[in-house]
mmCIF file of all heavy atoms, coordinates in Angstrom:
data_MODEL
# 
_entry.id   MODEL 
# 
loop_
_atom_site.group_PDB 
_atom_site.id 
_atom_site.type_symbol 
_atom_site.label_atom_id 
_atom_site.label_alt_id 
_atom_site.label_comp_id 
_atom_site.label_asym_id 
_atom_site.label_entity_id 
_atom_site.label_seq_id 
_atom_site.pdbx_PDB_ins_code 
_atom_site.Cartn_x 
_atom_site.Cartn_y 
_atom_site.Cartn_z 
_atom_site.occupancy 
_atom_site.B_iso_or_equiv 
_atom_site.pdbx_formal_charge 
_atom_site.auth_seq_id 
_atom_site.auth_comp_id 
_atom_site.auth_asym_id 
_atom_site.auth_atom_id 
_atom_site.pdbx_PDB_model_num 
ATOM 1   N N   . GLU A 1 1  ? -98.158 -33.476 43.705 1.00 0.00 ? 1  GLU A N   1 
ATOM 2   C CA  . GLU A 1 1  ? -97.515 -33.921 42.468 1.00 0.00 ? 1  GLU A CA  1 
ATOM 3   C C   . GLU A 1 1  ? -96.861 -32.748 41.740 1.00 0.00 ? 1  GLU A C   1 
ATOM 4   O O   . GLU A 1 1  ? -95.734 -32.861 41.251 1.00 0.00 ? 1  GLU A O   1 
ATOM 5   C CB  . GLU A 1 1  ? -98.535 -34.606 41.548 1.00 0.00 ? 1  GLU A CB  1 
ATOM 6   C CG  . GLU A 1 1  ? -98.998 -35.956 42.036 1.00 0.00 ? 1  GLU A CG  1 
ATOM 7   C CD  . GLU A 1 1  ? -97.905 -36.986 42.037 1.00 0.00 ? 1  GLU A CD  1 
ATOM 8   O OE1 . GLU A 1 1  ? -97.072 -36.992 41.104 1.00 0.00 ? 1  GLU A OE1 1 
ATOM 9   O OE2 . GLU A 1 1  ? -97.858 -37.788 42.994 1.00 0.00 ? 1  GLU A OE2 1 
ATOM 10  N N   . SER A 1 2  ? -97.547 -31.613 41.668 1.00 0.00 ? 2  SER A N   1 
ATOM 11  C CA  . SER A 1 2  ? -96.961 -30.461 40.970 1.00 0.00 ? 2  SER A CA  1 
ATOM 12  C C   . SER A 1 2  ? -95.739 -29.940 41.721 1.00 0.00 ? 2  SER A C   1 
ATOM 13  O O   . SER A 1 2  ? -94.747 -29.554 41.104 1.00 0.00 ? 2  SER A O   1 
ATOM 14  C CB  . SER A 1 2  ? -97.998 -29.350 40.790 1.00 0.00 ? 2  SER A CB  1 
ATOM 15  O OG  . SER A 1 2  ? -98.334 -28.756 42.019 1.00 0.00 ? 2  SER A OG  1 
ATOM 16  N N   . HIS A 1 3  ? -95.788 -29.952 43.053 1.00 0.00 ? 3  HIS A N   1 
ATOM 17  C CA  . HIS A 1 3  ? -94.620 -29.516 43.825 1.00 0.00 ? 3  HIS A CA  1 
ATOM 18  C C   . HIS A 1 3  ? -93.451 -30.480 43.644 1.00 0.00 ? 3  HIS A C   1 
ATOM 19  O O   . HIS A 1 3  ? -92.295 -30.051 43.582 1.00 0.00 ? 3  HIS A O   1 
ATOM 20  C CB  . HIS A 1 3  ? -94.969 -29.366 45.303 1.00 0.00 ? 3  HIS A CB  1 
ATOM 21  C CG  . HIS A 1 3  ? -95.718 -28.118 45.610 1.00 0.00 ? 3  HIS A CG  1 
ATOM 22  N ND1 . HIS A 1 3  ? -96.898 -28.114 46.309 1.00 0.00 ? 3  HIS A ND1 1 
ATOM 23  C CD2 . HIS A 1 3  ? -95.466 -26.829 45.312 1.00 0.00 ? 3  HIS A CD2 1 
ATOM 24  C CE1 . HIS A 1 3  ? -97.333 -26.882 46.422 1.00 0.00 ? 3  HIS A CE1 1 
ATOM 25  N NE2 . HIS A 1 3  ? -96.482 -26.080 45.825 1.00 0.00 ? 3  HIS A NE2 1 
ATOM 26  N N   . ASN A 1 4  ? -93.738 -31.768 43.579 1.00 0.00 ? 4  ASN A N   1 
ATOM 27  C CA  . ASN A 1 4  ? -92.660 -32.746 43.352 1.00 0.00 ? 4  ASN A CA  1 
ATOM 28  C C   . ASN A 1 4  ? -92.002 -32.541 41.996 1.00 0.00 ? 4  ASN A C   1 
ATOM 29  O O   . ASN A 1 4  ? -90.777 -32.624 41.868 1.00 0.00 ? 4  ASN A O   1 
ATOM 30  C CB  . ASN A 1 4  ? -93.196 -34.169 43.472 1.00 0.00 ? 4  ASN A CB  1 
ATOM 31  C CG  . ASN A 1 4  ? -93.377 -34.601 44.902 1.00 0.00 ? 4  ASN A CG  1 
ATOM 32  O OD1 . ASN A 1 4  ? -92.784 -34.040 45.809 1.00 0.00 ? 4  ASN A OD1 1 
ATOM 33  N ND2 . ASN A 1 4  ? -94.222 -35.596 45.110 1.00 0.00 ? 4  ASN A ND2 1 
ATOM 34  N N   . ARG A 1 5  ? -92.821 -32.276 40.955 1.00 0.00 ? 5  ARG A N   1 
ATOM 35  C CA  . ARG A 1 5  ? -92.241 -32.008 39.630 1.00 0.00 ? 5  ARG A CA  1 
ATOM 36  C C   . ARG A 1 5  ? -91.376 -30.751 39.672 1.00 0.00 ? 5  ARG A C   1 
ATOM 37  O O   . ARG A 1 5  ? -90.283 -30.720 39.096 1.00 0.00 ? 5  ARG A O   1 
ATOM 38  C CB  . ARG A 1 5  ? -93.357 -31.857 38.593 1.00 0.00 ? 5  ARG A CB  1 
ATOM 39  C CG  . ARG A 1 5  ? -93.984 -33.175 38.182 1.00 0.00 ? 5  ARG A CG  1 
ATOM 40  C CD  . ARG A 1 5  ? -94.899 -33.015 36.985 1.00 0.00 ? 5  ARG A CD  1 
ATOM 41  N NE  . ARG A 1 5  ? -96.000 -32.096 37.215 1.00 0.00 ? 5  ARG A NE  1 
ATOM 42  C CZ  . ARG A 1 5  ? -97.183 -32.422 37.732 1.00 0.00 ? 5  ARG A CZ  1 
ATOM 43  N NH1 . ARG A 1 5  ? -97.411 -33.676 38.068 1.00 0.00 ? 5  ARG A NH1 1 
ATOM 44  N NH2 . ARG A 1 5  ? -98.128 -31.517 37.883 1.00 0.00 ? 5  ARG A NH2 1 
ATOM 45  N N   . LEU A 1 6  ? -91.857 -29.716 40.346 1.00 0.00 ? 6  LEU A N   1 
ATOM 46  C CA  . LEU A 1 6  ? -91.089 -28.475 40.464 1.00 0.00 ? 6  LEU A CA  1 
ATOM 47  C C   . LEU A 1 6  ? -89.764 -28.714 41.176 1.00 0.00 ? 6  LEU A C   1 
ATOM 48  O O   . LEU A 1 6  ? -88.715 -28.228 40.736 1.00 0.00 ? 6  LEU A O   1 
ATOM 49  C CB  . LEU A 1 6  ? -91.905 -27.419 41.202 1.00 0.00 ? 6  LEU A CB  1 
ATOM 50  C CG  . LEU A 1 6  ? -91.217 -26.091 41.477 1.00 0.00 ? 6  LEU A CG  1 
ATOM 51  C CD1 . LEU A 1 6  ? -90.996 -25.330 40.181 1.00 0.00 ? 6  LEU A CD1 1 
ATOM 52  C CD2 . LEU A 1 6  ? -92.053 -25.257 42.436 1.00 0.00 ? 6  LEU A CD2 1 
ATOM 53  N N   . LEU A 1 7  ? -89.805 -29.475 42.260 1.00 0.00 ? 7  LEU A N   1 
ATOM 54  C CA  . LEU A 1 7  ? -88.572 -29.767 43.009 1.00 0.00 ? 7  LEU A CA  1 
ATOM 55  C C   . LEU A 1 7  ? -87.606 -30.604 42.174 1.00 0.00 ? 7  LEU A C   1 
ATOM 56  O O   . LEU A 1 7  ? -86.380 -30.388 42.245 1.00 0.00 ? 7  LEU A O   1 
ATOM 57  C CB  . LEU A 1 7  ? -88.908 -30.480 44.319 1.00 0.00 ? 7  LEU A CB  1 
ATOM 58  C CG  . LEU A 1 7  ? -89.554 -29.607 45.381 1.00 0.00 ? 7  LEU A CG  1 
ATOM 59  C CD1 . LEU A 1 7  ? -90.015 -30.461 46.556 1.00 0.00 ? 7  LEU A CD1 1 
ATOM 60  C CD2 . LEU A 1 7  ? -88.612 -28.513 45.849 1.00 0.00 ? 7  LEU A CD2 1 
ATOM 61  N N   . ASP A 1 8  ? -88.123 -31.544 41.392 1.00 0.00 ? 8  ASP A N   1 
ATOM 62  C CA  . ASP A 1 8  ? -87.248 -32.335 40.519 1.00 0.00 ? 8  ASP A CA  1 
ATOM 63  C C   . ASP A 1 8  ? -86.558 -31.450 39.490 1.00 0.00 ? 8  ASP A C   1 
ATOM 64  O O   . ASP A 1 8  ? -85.355 -31.590 39.238 1.00 0.00 ? 8  ASP A O   1 
ATOM 65  C CB  . ASP A 1 8  ? -88.046 -33.428 39.802 1.00 0.00 ? 8  ASP A CB  1 
ATOM 66  C CG  . ASP A 1 8  ? -88.441 -34.564 40.729 1.00 0.00 ? 8  ASP A CG  1 
ATOM 67  O OD1 . ASP A 1 8  ? -87.810 -34.687 41.806 1.00 0.00 ? 8  ASP A OD1 1 
ATOM 68  O OD2 . ASP A 1 8  ? -89.373 -35.314 40.371 1.00 0.00 ? 8  ASP A OD2 1 
ATOM 69  N N   . ARG A 1 9  ? -87.322 -30.533 38.873 1.00 0.00 ? 9  ARG A N   1 
ATOM 70  C CA  . ARG A 1 9  ? -86.715 -29.625 37.892 1.00 0.00 ? 9  ARG A CA  1 
ATOM 71  C C   . ARG A 1 9  ? -85.666 -28.733 38.555 1.00 0.00 ? 9  ARG A C   1 
ATOM 72  O O   . ARG A 1 9  ? -84.597 -28.493 37.992 1.00 0.00 ? 9  ARG A O   1 
ATOM 73  C CB  . ARG A 1 9  ? -87.796 -28.751 37.236 1.00 0.00 ? 9  ARG A CB  1 
ATOM 74  C CG  . ARG A 1 9  ? -88.600 -29.480 36.195 1.00 0.00 ? 9  ARG A CG  1 
ATOM 75  C CD  . ARG A 1 9  ? -89.416 -28.521 35.344 1.00 0.00 ? 9  ARG A CD  1 
ATOM 76  N NE  . ARG A 1 9  ? -90.264 -27.636 36.118 1.00 0.00 ? 9  ARG A NE  1 
ATOM 77  C CZ  . ARG A 1 9  ? -91.556 -27.823 36.369 1.00 0.00 ? 9  ARG A CZ  1 
ATOM 78  N NH1 . ARG A 1 9  ? -92.151 -28.892 35.891 1.00 0.00 ? 9  ARG A NH1 1 
ATOM 79  N NH2 . ARG A 1 9  ? -92.241 -26.950 37.077 1.00 0.00 ? 9  ARG A NH2 1 
ATOM 80  N N   . MET A 1 10 ? -85.966 -28.252 39.753 1.00 0.00 ? 10 MET A N   1 
ATOM 81  C CA  . MET A 1 10 ? -84.988 -27.399 40.462 1.00 0.00 ? 10 MET A CA  1 
ATOM 82  C C   . MET A 1 10 ? -83.728 -28.186 40.783 1.00 0.00 ? 10 MET A C   1 
ATOM 83  O O   . MET A 1 10 ? -82.617 -27.663 40.668 1.00 0.00 ? 10 MET A O   1 
ATOM 84  C CB  . MET A 1 10 ? -85.604 -26.845 41.750 1.00 0.00 ? 10 MET A CB  1 
ATOM 85  C CG  . MET A 1 10 ? -86.591 -25.731 41.510 1.00 0.00 ? 10 MET A CG  1 
ATOM 86  S SD  . MET A 1 10 ? -87.371 -25.126 43.023 1.00 0.00 ? 10 MET A SD  1 
ATOM 87  C CE  . MET A 1 10 ? -85.976 -24.622 43.972 1.00 0.00 ? 10 MET A CE  1 
ATOM 88  N N   . GLY A 1 11 ? -83.883 -29.446 41.186 1.00 0.00 ? 11 GLY A N   1 
ATOM 89  C CA  . GLY A 1 11 ? -82.718 -30.272 41.476 1.00 0.00 ? 11 GLY A CA  1 
ATOM 90  C C   . GLY A 1 11 ? -81.865 -30.494 40.244 1.00 0.00 ? 11 GLY A C   1 
ATOM 91  O O   . GLY A 1 11 ? -80.624 -30.422 40.311 1.00 0.00 ? 11 GLY A O   1 
ATOM 92  N N   . ASN A 1 12 ? -82.519 -30.735 39.119 1.00 0.00 ? 12 ASN A N   1 
ATOM 93  C CA  . ASN A 1 12 ? -81.770 -30.923 37.866 1.00 0.00 ? 12 ASN A CA  1 
ATOM 94  C C   . ASN A 1 12 ? -81.055 -29.641 37.461 1.00 0.00 ? 12 ASN A C   1 
ATOM 95  O O   . ASN A 1 12 ? -79.905 -29.671 37.007 1.00 0.00 ? 12 ASN A O   1 
ATOM 96  C CB  . ASN A 1 12 ? -82.702 -31.372 36.745 1.00 0.00 ? 12 ASN A CB  1 
ATOM 97  C CG  . ASN A 1 12 ? -83.242 -32.770 36.973 1.00 0.00 ? 12 ASN A CG  1 
ATOM 98  O OD1 . ASN A 1 12 ? -82.655 -33.554 37.715 1.00 0.00 ? 12 ASN A OD1 1 
ATOM 99  N ND2 . ASN A 1 12 ? -84.370 -33.071 36.362 1.00 0.00 ? 12 ASN A ND2 1 
ATOM 100 N N   . ASP A 1 13 ? -81.725 -28.500 37.609 1.00 0.00 ? 13 ASP A N   1 
ATOM 101 C CA  . ASP A 1 13 ? -81.095 -27.217 37.288 1.00 0.00 ? 13 ASP A CA  1 
ATOM 102 C C   . ASP A 1 13 ? -79.900 -26.949 38.200 1.00 0.00 ? 13 ASP A C   1 
ATOM 103 O O   . ASP A 1 13 ? -78.866 -26.433 37.754 1.00 0.00 ? 13 ASP A O   1 
ATOM 104 C CB  . ASP A 1 13 ? -82.103 -26.072 37.412 1.00 0.00 ? 13 ASP A CB  1 
ATOM 105 C CG  . ASP A 1 13 ? -83.164 -26.109 36.325 1.00 0.00 ? 13 ASP A CG  1 
ATOM 106 O OD1 . ASP A 1 13 ? -82.960 -26.826 35.325 1.00 0.00 ? 13 ASP A OD1 1 
ATOM 107 O OD2 . ASP A 1 13 ? -84.189 -25.414 36.492 1.00 0.00 ? 13 ASP A OD2 1 
ATOM 108 N N   . MET A 1 14 ? -80.031 -27.289 39.478 1.00 0.00 ? 14 MET A N   1 
ATOM 109 C CA  . MET A 1 14 ? -78.913 -27.081 40.408 1.00 0.00 ? 14 MET A CA  1 
ATOM 110 C C   . MET A 1 14 ? -77.736 -27.975 40.037 1.00 0.00 ? 14 MET A C   1 
ATOM 111 O O   . MET A 1 14 ? -76.580 -27.541 40.125 1.00 0.00 ? 14 MET A O   1 
ATOM 112 C CB  . MET A 1 14 ? -79.360 -27.366 41.851 1.00 0.00 ? 14 MET A CB  1 
ATOM 113 C CG  . MET A 1 14 ? -80.346 -26.360 42.393 1.00 0.00 ? 14 MET A CG  1 
ATOM 114 S SD  . MET A 1 14 ? -79.667 -24.714 42.492 1.00 0.00 ? 14 MET A SD  1 
ATOM 115 C CE  . MET A 1 14 ? -78.664 -24.869 43.932 1.00 0.00 ? 14 MET A CE  1 
ATOM 116 N N   . ASP A 1 15 ? -78.006 -29.204 39.623 1.00 0.00 ? 15 ASP A N   1 
ATOM 117 C CA  . ASP A 1 15 ? -76.924 -30.103 39.204 1.00 0.00 ? 15 ASP A CA  1 
ATOM 118 C C   . ASP A 1 15 ? -76.195 -29.562 37.983 1.00 0.00 ? 15 ASP A C   1 
ATOM 119 O O   . ASP A 1 15 ? -74.956 -29.582 37.930 1.00 0.00 ? 15 ASP A O   1 
ATOM 120 C CB  . ASP A 1 15 ? -77.479 -31.499 38.900 1.00 0.00 ? 15 ASP A CB  1 
ATOM 121 C CG  . ASP A 1 15 ? -77.891 -32.243 40.154 1.00 0.00 ? 15 ASP A CG  1 
ATOM 122 O OD1 . ASP A 1 15 ? -77.433 -31.856 41.251 1.00 0.00 ? 15 ASP A OD1 1 
ATOM 123 O OD2 . ASP A 1 15 ? -78.679 -33.208 40.034 1.00 0.00 ? 15 ASP A OD2 1 
ATOM 124 N N   . SER A 1 16 ? -76.947 -29.052 37.007 1.00 0.00 ? 16 SER A N   1 
ATOM 125 C CA  . SER A 1 16 ? -76.295 -28.511 35.817 1.00 0.00 ? 16 SER A CA  1 
ATOM 126 C C   . SER A 1 16 ? -75.522 -27.235 36.158 1.00 0.00 ? 16 SER A C   1 
ATOM 127 O O   . SER A 1 16 ? -74.421 -27.007 35.635 1.00 0.00 ? 16 SER A O   1 
ATOM 128 C CB  . SER A 1 16 ? -77.315 -28.236 34.714 1.00 0.00 ? 16 SER A CB  1 
ATOM 129 O OG  . SER A 1 16 ? -78.208 -27.217 35.091 1.00 0.00 ? 16 SER A OG  1 
ATOM 130 N N   . SER A 1 17 ? -76.053 -26.412 37.050 1.00 0.00 ? 17 SER A N   1 
ATOM 131 C CA  . SER A 1 17 ? -75.326 -25.199 37.468 1.00 0.00 ? 17 SER A CA  1 
ATOM 132 C C   . SER A 1 17 ? -74.043 -25.558 38.204 1.00 0.00 ? 17 SER A C   1 
ATOM 133 O O   . SER A 1 17 ? -73.012 -24.906 38.033 1.00 0.00 ? 17 SER A O   1 
ATOM 134 C CB  . SER A 1 17 ? -76.204 -24.342 38.378 1.00 0.00 ? 17 SER A CB  1 
ATOM 135 O OG  . SER A 1 17 ? -77.352 -23.911 37.706 1.00 0.00 ? 17 SER A OG  1 
ATOM 136 N N   . ARG A 1 18 ? -74.117 -26.595 39.007 1.00 0.00 ? 18 ARG A N   1 
ATOM 137 C CA  . ARG A 1 18 ? -72.927 -27.034 39.739 1.00 0.00 ? 18 ARG A CA  1 
ATOM 138 C C   . ARG A 1 18 ? -71.847 -27.489 38.768 1.00 0.00 ? 18 ARG A C   1 
ATOM 139 O O   . ARG A 1 18 ? -70.670 -27.194 38.951 1.00 0.00 ? 18 ARG A O   1 
ATOM 140 C CB  . ARG A 1 18 ? -73.306 -28.164 40.697 1.00 0.00 ? 18 ARG A CB  1 
ATOM 141 C CG  . ARG A 1 18 ? -72.164 -28.595 41.601 1.00 0.00 ? 18 ARG A CG  1 
ATOM 142 C CD  . ARG A 1 18 ? -72.599 -29.652 42.614 1.00 0.00 ? 18 ARG A CD  1 
ATOM 143 N NE  . ARG A 1 18 ? -73.613 -29.142 43.514 1.00 0.00 ? 18 ARG A NE  1 
ATOM 144 C CZ  . ARG A 1 18 ? -74.816 -29.712 43.690 1.00 0.00 ? 18 ARG A CZ  1 
ATOM 145 N NH1 . ARG A 1 18 ? -75.133 -30.807 43.036 1.00 0.00 ? 18 ARG A NH1 1 
ATOM 146 N NH2 . ARG A 1 18 ? -75.673 -29.205 44.537 1.00 0.00 ? 18 ARG A NH2 1 
ATOM 147 N N   . GLY A 1 19 ? -72.254 -28.180 37.702 1.00 0.00 ? 19 GLY A N   1 
ATOM 148 C CA  . GLY A 1 19 ? -71.283 -28.631 36.703 1.00 0.00 ? 19 GLY A CA  1 
ATOM 149 C C   . GLY A 1 19 ? -70.630 -27.461 35.987 1.00 0.00 ? 19 GLY A C   1 
ATOM 150 O O   . GLY A 1 19 ? -69.410 -27.455 35.779 1.00 0.00 ? 19 GLY A O   1 
ATOM 151 N N   . VAL A 1 20 ? -71.423 -26.459 35.603 1.00 0.00 ? 20 VAL A N   1 
ATOM 152 C CA  . VAL A 1 20 ? -70.871 -25.283 34.925 1.00 0.00 ? 20 VAL A CA  1 
ATOM 153 C C   . VAL A 1 20 ? -69.938 -24.529 35.854 1.00 0.00 ? 20 VAL A C   1 
ATOM 154 O O   . VAL A 1 20 ? -68.841 -24.098 35.460 1.00 0.00 ? 20 VAL A O   1 
ATOM 155 C CB  . VAL A 1 20 ? -72.020 -24.368 34.429 1.00 0.00 ? 20 VAL A CB  1 
ATOM 156 C CG1 . VAL A 1 20 ? -71.487 -23.029 33.967 1.00 0.00 ? 20 VAL A CG1 1 
ATOM 157 C CG2 . VAL A 1 20 ? -72.806 -25.045 33.322 1.00 0.00 ? 20 VAL A CG2 1 
ATOM 158 N N   . LEU A 1 21 ? -70.343 -24.354 37.100 1.00 0.00 ? 21 LEU A N   1 
ATOM 159 C CA  . LEU A 1 21 ? -69.529 -23.608 38.062 1.00 0.00 ? 21 LEU A CA  1 
ATOM 160 C C   . LEU A 1 21 ? -68.211 -24.330 38.349 1.00 0.00 ? 21 LEU A C   1 
ATOM 161 O O   . LEU A 1 21 ? -67.157 -23.686 38.437 1.00 0.00 ? 21 LEU A O   1 
ATOM 162 C CB  . LEU A 1 21 ? -70.309 -23.403 39.359 1.00 0.00 ? 21 LEU A CB  1 
ATOM 163 C CG  . LEU A 1 21 ? -69.669 -22.515 40.402 1.00 0.00 ? 21 LEU A CG  1 
ATOM 164 C CD1 . LEU A 1 21 ? -69.456 -21.110 39.844 1.00 0.00 ? 21 LEU A CD1 1 
ATOM 165 C CD2 . LEU A 1 21 ? -70.537 -22.453 41.635 1.00 0.00 ? 21 LEU A CD2 1 
ATOM 166 N N   . SER A 1 22 ? -68.251 -25.631 38.467 1.00 0.00 ? 22 SER A N   1 
ATOM 167 C CA  . SER A 1 22 ? -66.993 -26.354 38.740 1.00 0.00 ? 22 SER A CA  1 
ATOM 168 C C   . SER A 1 22 ? -66.054 -26.250 37.539 1.00 0.00 ? 22 SER A C   1 
ATOM 169 O O   . SER A 1 22 ? -64.840 -26.140 37.711 1.00 0.00 ? 22 SER A O   1 
ATOM 170 C CB  . SER A 1 22 ? -67.271 -27.812 39.091 1.00 0.00 ? 22 SER A CB  1 
ATOM 171 O OG  . SER A 1 22 ? -67.798 -28.500 37.977 1.00 0.00 ? 22 SER A OG  1 
ATOM 172 N N   . GLY A 1 23 ? -66.611 -26.255 36.320 1.00 0.00 ? 23 GLY A N   1 
ATOM 173 C CA  . GLY A 1 23 ? -65.767 -26.076 35.131 1.00 0.00 ? 23 GLY A CA  1 
ATOM 174 C C   . GLY A 1 23 ? -65.122 -24.701 35.108 1.00 0.00 ? 23 GLY A C   1 
ATOM 175 O O   . GLY A 1 23 ? -63.939 -24.553 34.761 1.00 0.00 ? 23 GLY A O   1 
ATOM 176 N N   . THR A 1 24 ? -65.864 -23.682 35.499 1.00 0.00 ? 24 THR A N   1 
ATOM 177 C CA  . THR A 1 24 ? -65.322 -22.317 35.539 1.00 0.00 ? 24 THR A CA  1 
ATOM 178 C C   . THR A 1 24 ? -64.225 -22.204 36.592 1.00 0.00 ? 24 THR A C   1 
ATOM 179 O O   . THR A 1 24 ? -63.181 -21.578 36.354 1.00 0.00 ? 24 THR A O   1 
ATOM 180 C CB  . THR A 1 24 ? -66.453 -21.319 35.838 1.00 0.00 ? 24 THR A CB  1 
ATOM 181 O OG1 . THR A 1 24 ? -67.485 -21.484 34.863 1.00 0.00 ? 24 THR A OG1 1 
ATOM 182 C CG2 . THR A 1 24 ? -65.958 -19.897 35.822 1.00 0.00 ? 24 THR A CG2 1 
ATOM 183 N N   . VAL A 1 25 ? -64.451 -22.802 37.739 1.00 0.00 ? 25 VAL A N   1 
ATOM 184 C CA  . VAL A 1 25 ? -63.439 -22.763 38.801 1.00 0.00 ? 25 VAL A CA  1 
ATOM 185 C C   . VAL A 1 25 ? -62.172 -23.482 38.348 1.00 0.00 ? 25 VAL A C   1 
ATOM 186 O O   . VAL A 1 25 ? -61.053 -23.011 38.624 1.00 0.00 ? 25 VAL A O   1 
ATOM 187 C CB  . VAL A 1 25 ? -64.011 -23.379 40.104 1.00 0.00 ? 25 VAL A CB  1 
ATOM 188 C CG1 . VAL A 1 25 ? -62.918 -23.619 41.129 1.00 0.00 ? 25 VAL A CG1 1 
ATOM 189 C CG2 . VAL A 1 25 ? -65.101 -22.499 40.679 1.00 0.00 ? 25 VAL A CG2 1 
# 
């Protein structure tokens, strides 16, 4: 359960980073 929560947070962080990076590009 703790690993699943960690992976969910990492996925959300990657999605937000992808949005920022695409805006910069």
